[in-house]
Amino acid sequence: MIHNILVQQPAPQGGGWIQQLVLFGGIALVFYFFMIRPQQKKQKDQKNFINEIKKGDNIVTIGGMHGKVYALTDDTVTLEVDKGVKITFEKSSISLEASKRANEKA
């Protein structure tokens, strides 16, 4: 009985590929606007922050080390983490400004 019902259905019409193309295009747009674009903006903001660091800024490294910028070179940042204790990091290991982190928690 079920076999007879399935056999009686008309064959699908052509043009289904256009609908699939529109569907995949829509998925690609959603993926771009919700995943790729925000990540690119975040990377751009991070790069700008690292380039604008100056002596005396309080920053946090990716590893969670808090400190004040003591010295800068092209590729490295020396942080003063305690009285007289200085540690050198690559600029790429800086996460964000410590005052911004305090504002995010509030």
C-alpha atoms as a PDB file:
ATOM      1  CA  MET A   1       0.000   0.000   0.000  1.00  0.00           C
ATOM      2  CA  ILE A   2       2.755   2.465   0.951  1.00  0.00           C
ATOM      3  CA  HIS A   3       4.704   1.469  -2.122  1.00  0.00           C
ATOM      4  CA  ASN A   4       1.749   2.435  -4.313  1.00  0.00           C
ATOM      5  CA  ILE A   5       1.481   5.885  -2.672  1.00  0.00           C
ATOM      6  CA  LEU A   6       5.185   6.577  -3.176  1.00  0.00           C
ATOM      7  CA  VAL A   7       5.046   5.507  -6.790  1.00  0.00           C
ATOM      8  CA  GLN A   8       2.136   7.878  -7.489  1.00  0.00           C
ATOM      9  CA  GLN A   9       4.027  11.018  -6.398  1.00  0.00           C
ATOM     10  CA  PRO A  10       5.160  13.228  -9.275  1.00  0.00           C
ATOM     11  CA  ALA A  11       8.878  13.488 -10.011  1.00  0.00           C
ATOM     12  CA  PRO A  12      10.622  16.596  -8.611  1.00  0.00           C
ATOM     13  CA  GLN A  13      10.800  19.510 -11.024  1.00  0.00           C
ATOM     14  CA  GLY A  14      14.060  20.981 -12.322  1.00  0.00           C
ATOM     15  CA  GLY A  15      15.397  24.246 -10.860  1.00  0.00           C
ATOM     16  CA  GLY A  16      16.161  22.839  -7.431  1.00  0.00           C
ATOM     17  CA  TRP A  17      19.805  23.729  -7.930  1.00  0.00           C
ATOM     18  CA  ILE A  18      18.951  27.438  -7.841  1.00  0.00           C
ATOM     19  CA  GLN A  19      17.308  27.035  -4.450  1.00  0.00           C
ATOM     20  CA  GLN A  20      20.325  25.132  -3.167  1.00  0.00           C
ATOM     21  CA  LEU A  21      22.669  27.819  -4.491  1.00  0.00           C
ATOM     22  CA  VAL A  22      20.659  30.540  -2.708  1.00  0.00           C
ATOM     23  CA  LEU A  23      20.606  28.473   0.489  1.00  0.00           C
ATOM     24  CA  PHE A  24      24.379  27.900   0.461  1.00  0.00           C
ATOM     25  CA  GLY A  25      24.966  31.567  -0.373  1.00  0.00           C
ATOM     26  CA  GLY A  26      22.791  32.583   2.588  1.00  0.00           C
ATOM     27  CA  ILE A  27      24.663  30.230   4.896  1.00  0.00           C
ATOM     28  CA  ALA A  28      27.978  31.670   3.687  1.00  0.00           C
ATOM     29  CA  LEU A  29      26.770  35.235   4.389  1.00  0.00           C
ATOM     30  CA  VAL A  30      25.570  34.343   7.873  1.00  0.00           C
ATOM     31  CA  PHE A  31      28.867  32.570   8.562  1.00  0.00           C
ATOM     32  CA  TYR A  32      30.817  35.634   7.391  1.00  0.00           C
ATOM     33  CA  PHE A  33      28.844  38.205   9.406  1.00  0.00           C
ATOM     34  CA  PHE A  34      28.642  36.185  12.625  1.00  0.00           C
ATOM     35  CA  MET A  35      32.027  34.424  12.658  1.00  0.00           C
ATOM     36  CA  ILE A  36      34.686  35.832  10.333  1.00  0.00           C
ATOM     37  CA  ARG A  37      33.992  39.583  10.452  1.00  0.00           C
ATOM     38  CA  PRO A  38      33.914  39.908  14.279  1.00  0.00           C
ATOM     39  CA  GLN A  39      37.150  37.917  14.548  1.00  0.00           C
ATOM     40  CA  GLN A  40      38.871  40.185  12.014  1.00  0.00           C
ATOM     41  CA  LYS A  41      37.683  43.257  13.944  1.00  0.00           C
ATOM     42  CA  LYS A  42      38.988  41.808  17.203  1.00  0.00           C
ATOM     43  CA  GLN A  43      42.394  41.094  15.620  1.00  0.00           C
ATOM     44  CA  LYS A  44      42.560  44.627  14.218  1.00  0.00           C
ATOM     45  CA  ASP A  45      41.718  46.144  17.639  1.00  0.00           C
ATOM     46  CA  GLN A  46      44.351  43.927  19.314  1.00  0.00           C
ATOM     47  CA  LYS A  47      47.009  44.978  16.792  1.00  0.00           C
ATOM     48  CA  ASN A  48      46.162  48.664  17.289  1.00  0.00           C
ATOM     49  CA  PHE A  49      46.330  48.274  21.081  1.00  0.00           C
ATOM     50  CA  ILE A  50      49.748  46.611  20.916  1.00  0.00           C
ATOM     51  CA  ASN A  51      51.085  49.343  18.624  1.00  0.00           C
ATOM     52  CA  GLU A  52      49.803  52.102  20.970  1.00  0.00           C
ATOM     53  CA  ILE A  53      51.364  50.752  24.193  1.00  0.00           C
ATOM     54  CA  LYS A  54      53.518  53.286  25.987  1.00  0.00           C
ATOM     55  CA  LYS A  55      55.706  53.330  29.060  1.00  0.00           C
ATOM     56  CA  GLY A  56      53.689  53.346  32.282  1.00  0.00           C
ATOM     57  CA  ASP A  57      50.631  51.483  30.945  1.00  0.00           C
ATOM     58  CA  ASN A  58      49.248  48.692  33.122  1.00  0.00           C
ATOM     59  CA  ILE A  59      48.756  45.602  30.964  1.00  0.00           C
ATOM     60  CA  VAL A  60      47.917  41.906  31.213  1.00  0.00           C
ATOM     61  CA  THR A  61      49.714  39.224  29.215  1.00  0.00           C
ATOM     62  CA  ILE A  62      47.991  36.266  27.593  1.00  0.00           C
ATOM     63  CA  GLY A  63      49.337  34.099  30.421  1.00  0.00           C
ATOM     64  CA  GLY A  64      47.721  36.353  33.040  1.00  0.00           C
ATOM     65  CA  MET A  65      50.808  38.263  34.202  1.00  0.00           C
ATOM     66  CA  HIS A  66      49.911  41.793  35.357  1.00  0.00           C
ATOM     67  CA  GLY A  67      52.486  44.545  35.205  1.00  0.00           C
ATOM     68  CA  LYS A  68      53.414  48.072  34.290  1.00  0.00           C
ATOM     69  CA  VAL A  69      55.311  48.757  31.063  1.00  0.00           C
ATOM     70  CA  TYR A  70      58.883  49.610  32.021  1.00  0.00           C
ATOM     71  CA  ALA A  71      60.538  49.650  28.577  1.00  0.00           C
ATOM     72  CA  LEU A  72      59.616  49.037  24.935  1.00  0.00           C
ATOM     73  CA  THR A  73      61.500  47.877  21.861  1.00  0.00           C
ATOM     74  CA  ASP A  74      60.190  46.974  18.406  1.00  0.00           C
ATOM     75  CA  ASP A  75      59.355  43.367  19.342  1.00  0.00           C
ATOM     76  CA  THR A  76      59.495  43.194  23.147  1.00  0.00           C
ATOM     77  CA  VAL A  77      57.962  44.800  26.220  1.00  0.00           C
ATOM     78  CA  THR A  78      59.626  44.819  29.628  1.00  0.00           C
ATOM     79  CA  LEU A  79      57.110  44.719  32.472  1.00  0.00           C
ATOM     80  CA  GLU A  80      57.723  45.668  36.066  1.00  0.00           C
ATOM     81  CA  VAL A  81      55.658  43.105  37.952  1.00  0.00           C
ATOM     82  CA  ASP A  82      56.854  43.937  41.474  1.00  0.00           C
ATOM     83  CA  LYS A  83      59.254  46.390  43.059  1.00  0.00           C
ATOM     84  CA  GLY A  84      62.460  45.895  41.076  1.00  0.00           C
ATOM     85  CA  VAL A  85      61.272  42.706  39.315  1.00  0.00           C
ATOM     86  CA  LYS A  86      61.278  43.125  35.542  1.00  0.00           C
ATOM     87  CA  ILE A  87      60.275  40.529  32.966  1.00  0.00           C
ATOM     88  CA  THR A  88      60.595  40.816  29.182  1.00  0.00           C
ATOM     89  CA  PHE A  89      57.772  39.564  26.931  1.00  0.00           C
ATOM     90  CA  GLU A  90      57.107  39.515  23.212  1.00  0.00           C
ATOM     91  CA  LYS A  91      54.595  42.169  22.175  1.00  0.00           C
ATOM     92  CA  SER A  92      52.397  39.455  20.701  1.00  0.00           C
ATOM     93  CA  SER A  93      51.880  37.987  24.196  1.00  0.00           C
ATOM     94  CA  ILE A  94      50.064  41.081  25.470  1.00  0.00           C
ATOM     95  CA  SER A  95      46.362  40.564  25.975  1.00  0.00           C
ATOM     96  CA  LEU A  96      44.829  43.861  27.045  1.00  0.00           C
ATOM     97  CA  GLU A  97      45.117  46.905  29.225  1.00  0.00           C
ATOM     98  CA  ALA A  98      44.587  46.102  32.920  1.00  0.00           C
ATOM     99  CA  SER A  99      42.188  49.021  33.437  1.00  0.00           C
ATOM    100  CA  LYS A 100      39.993  47.644  30.619  1.00  0.00           C
ATOM    101  CA  ARG A 101      39.909  44.249  32.329  1.00  0.00           C
ATOM    102  CA  ALA A 102      38.789  45.879  35.592  1.00  0.00           C
ATOM    103  CA  ASN A 103      36.029  47.701  33.679  1.00  0.00           C
ATOM    104  CA  GLU A 104      34.866  44.437  32.038  1.00  0.00           C
ATOM    105  CA  LYS A 105      34.439  42.750  35.428  1.00  0.00           C
ATOM    106  CA  ALA A 106      32.362  45.624  36.827  1.00  0.00           C
END
